[in-house]
Every structure is written in structure tokens, then in C-alpha cells.
Amino acid sequence: MPVPLHFYRQGYLDKAIDLLNKVKADYPEPAYIDELMGQIYYENGKIDLSIQNYKRAISKMPPLIFVSFWSCTVSRCKKTHLIP
């Protein structure tokens, strides 16, 4: 099976996300899949998609992922000039 992280590191964002969605369809419970998707979206400036994935991850495993979600939320607020 191709490794989504490999595709992401090679710059194939869509392929990485597509593979992660396929993995998530078979294994919906692990929070790290949603967290990884959130991180990929965040690093590529897709903040709203990032936040959606972090919210799903938090609902599955709150303490470990909350900091990443908060960082992403702050970034969106800065981008929209809600905070300096």
C-alpha cells in the first residue's frame, strides 16, 4: 500500500489526502489520521479544512491534539485579522 506521508513529502497533497481518506474509510477510529490530515492542510494554508480535521481528531482523543488545533485556529484568526 502506498504511504500517504511519502506522497505529501513529495508535494502530492491531493494524492496524500486521497489515500488518507481511503485509510480512514476502513479505520475511522484512530485520531492520528484526522490529525495528520489537519496538519497537512494547515501546512498548505487550508486552515478551514485543517480545523475541521483537528475537531474530528479532538473528539476522538482530546488531550493530545488540542494544542495543534489551537495553533491552527490562532493562525486563521491572524489571517483574517481577528487578532494581531
C-alpha atoms as a PDB file:
ATOM      1  CA  MET A   1       0.000   0.000   0.000  1.00  0.00           C
ATOM      2  CA  PRO A   2       1.338   3.470  -0.837  1.00  0.00           C
ATOM      3  CA  VAL A   3       2.215   5.584   2.156  1.00  0.00           C
ATOM      4  CA  PRO A   4       0.275   8.888   2.295  1.00  0.00           C
ATOM      5  CA  LEU A   5       3.067  10.683   4.123  1.00  0.00           C
ATOM      6  CA  HIS A   6       5.500   9.829   1.319  1.00  0.00           C
ATOM      7  CA  PHE A   7       3.231  11.474  -1.248  1.00  0.00           C
ATOM      8  CA  TYR A   8       2.799  14.502   0.968  1.00  0.00           C
ATOM      9  CA  ARG A   9       6.553  14.943   1.409  1.00  0.00           C
ATOM     10  CA  GLN A  10       6.992  14.686  -2.362  1.00  0.00           C
ATOM     11  CA  GLY A  11       4.492  17.523  -2.834  1.00  0.00           C
ATOM     12  CA  TYR A  12       1.472  15.474  -3.892  1.00  0.00           C
ATOM     13  CA  LEU A  13      -1.051  16.921  -1.435  1.00  0.00           C
ATOM     14  CA  ASP A  14      -4.162  15.649  -3.231  1.00  0.00           C
ATOM     15  CA  LYS A  15      -2.780  12.108  -3.521  1.00  0.00           C
ATOM     16  CA  ALA A  16      -1.824  12.062   0.168  1.00  0.00           C
ATOM     17  CA  ILE A  17      -5.260  13.286   1.261  1.00  0.00           C
ATOM     18  CA  ASP A  18      -6.984  10.815  -1.073  1.00  0.00           C
ATOM     19  CA  LEU A  19      -5.041   7.913   0.440  1.00  0.00           C
ATOM     20  CA  LEU A  20      -5.709   9.125   3.985  1.00  0.00           C
ATOM     21  CA  ASN A  21      -9.441   9.274   3.210  1.00  0.00           C
ATOM     22  CA  LYS A  22      -9.282   5.680   1.969  1.00  0.00           C
ATOM     23  CA  VAL A  23      -7.487   4.561   5.128  1.00  0.00           C
ATOM     24  CA  LYS A  24      -9.988   6.483   7.252  1.00  0.00           C
ATOM     25  CA  ALA A  25     -12.879   4.737   5.470  1.00  0.00           C
ATOM     26  CA  ASP A  26     -11.507   1.379   6.629  1.00  0.00           C
ATOM     27  CA  TYR A  27     -10.256   2.571  10.043  1.00  0.00           C
ATOM     28  CA  PRO A  28     -12.358   5.552  11.177  1.00  0.00           C
ATOM     29  CA  GLU A  29     -11.408   5.498  14.858  1.00  0.00           C
ATOM     30  CA  PRO A  30      -7.717   6.451  15.030  1.00  0.00           C
ATOM     31  CA  ALA A  31      -7.435  10.157  15.776  1.00  0.00           C
ATOM     32  CA  TYR A  32      -3.973  10.383  14.253  1.00  0.00           C
ATOM     33  CA  ILE A  33      -5.401  10.080  10.718  1.00  0.00           C
ATOM     34  CA  ASP A  34      -7.554  13.164  11.254  1.00  0.00           C
ATOM     35  CA  GLU A  35      -4.649  14.892  12.992  1.00  0.00           C
ATOM     36  CA  LEU A  36      -2.300  14.166  10.078  1.00  0.00           C
ATOM     37  CA  MET A  37      -4.854  15.470   7.594  1.00  0.00           C
ATOM     38  CA  GLY A  38      -5.253  18.573   9.740  1.00  0.00           C
ATOM     39  CA  GLN A  39      -1.500  19.093   9.776  1.00  0.00           C
ATOM     40  CA  ILE A  40      -1.188  18.642   6.009  1.00  0.00           C
ATOM     41  CA  TYR A  41      -3.970  21.138   5.363  1.00  0.00           C
ATOM     42  CA  TYR A  42      -2.502  23.575   7.904  1.00  0.00           C
ATOM     43  CA  GLU A  43       0.959  23.480   6.364  1.00  0.00           C
ATOM     44  CA  ASN A  44      -0.590  24.188   2.961  1.00  0.00           C
ATOM     45  CA  GLY A  45      -2.657  27.172   4.079  1.00  0.00           C
ATOM     46  CA  LYS A  46      -6.015  25.385   4.002  1.00  0.00           C
ATOM     47  CA  ILE A  47      -6.886  26.488   7.501  1.00  0.00           C
ATOM     48  CA  ASP A  48     -10.636  25.793   7.448  1.00  0.00           C
ATOM     49  CA  LEU A  49     -10.087  22.205   6.273  1.00  0.00           C
ATOM     50  CA  SER A  50      -7.361  21.864   8.861  1.00  0.00           C
ATOM     51  CA  ILE A  51      -9.681  22.962  11.652  1.00  0.00           C
ATOM     52  CA  GLN A  52     -12.389  20.511  10.522  1.00  0.00           C
ATOM     53  CA  ASN A  53      -9.939  17.619  10.738  1.00  0.00           C
ATOM     54  CA  TYR A  54      -8.498  18.736  14.066  1.00  0.00           C
ATOM     55  CA  LYS A  55     -12.030  18.955  15.501  1.00  0.00           C
ATOM     56  CA  ARG A  56     -12.656  15.343  14.482  1.00  0.00           C
ATOM     57  CA  ALA A  57      -9.340  14.298  15.988  1.00  0.00           C
ATOM     58  CA  ILE A  58     -10.047  16.157  19.225  1.00  0.00           C
ATOM     59  CA  SER A  59     -13.407  14.445  19.573  1.00  0.00           C
ATOM     60  CA  LYS A  60     -11.565  11.109  19.454  1.00  0.00           C
ATOM     61  CA  MET A  61      -8.526  11.960  21.606  1.00  0.00           C
ATOM     62  CA  PRO A  62      -8.740  15.472  23.113  1.00  0.00           C
ATOM     63  CA  PRO A  63      -5.622  15.972  25.231  1.00  0.00           C
ATOM     64  CA  LEU A  64      -3.008  15.040  22.642  1.00  0.00           C
ATOM     65  CA  ILE A  65      -4.313  17.060  19.715  1.00  0.00           C
ATOM     66  CA  PHE A  66      -5.775  20.164  21.302  1.00  0.00           C
ATOM     67  CA  VAL A  67      -2.549  22.198  21.026  1.00  0.00           C
ATOM     68  CA  SER A  68      -2.338  21.659  17.249  1.00  0.00           C
ATOM     69  CA  PHE A  69      -5.980  22.624  16.841  1.00  0.00           C
ATOM     70  CA  TRP A  70      -5.463  25.783  18.892  1.00  0.00           C
ATOM     71  CA  SER A  71      -2.421  26.756  16.824  1.00  0.00           C
ATOM     72  CA  CYS A  72      -4.413  26.317  13.634  1.00  0.00           C
ATOM     73  CA  THR A  73      -7.327  28.367  15.000  1.00  0.00           C
ATOM     74  CA  VAL A  74      -4.999  31.189  16.027  1.00  0.00           C
ATOM     75  CA  SER A  75      -3.456  31.126  12.554  1.00  0.00           C
ATOM     76  CA  ARG A  76      -6.897  31.539  10.941  1.00  0.00           C
ATOM     77  CA  CYS A  77      -7.675  34.448  13.247  1.00  0.00           C
ATOM     78  CA  LYS A  78      -4.380  36.112  12.323  1.00  0.00           C
ATOM     79  CA  LYS A  79      -5.023  35.510   8.632  1.00  0.00           C
ATOM     80  CA  THR A  80      -8.425  37.179   8.871  1.00  0.00           C
ATOM     81  CA  HIS A  81      -7.025  39.938  11.126  1.00  0.00           C
ATOM     82  CA  LEU A  82      -9.239  38.988  14.063  1.00  0.00           C
ATOM     83  CA  ILE A  83      -6.155  39.097  16.261  1.00  0.00           C
ATOM     84  CA  PRO A  84      -2.867  40.959  15.700  1.00  0.00           C
END
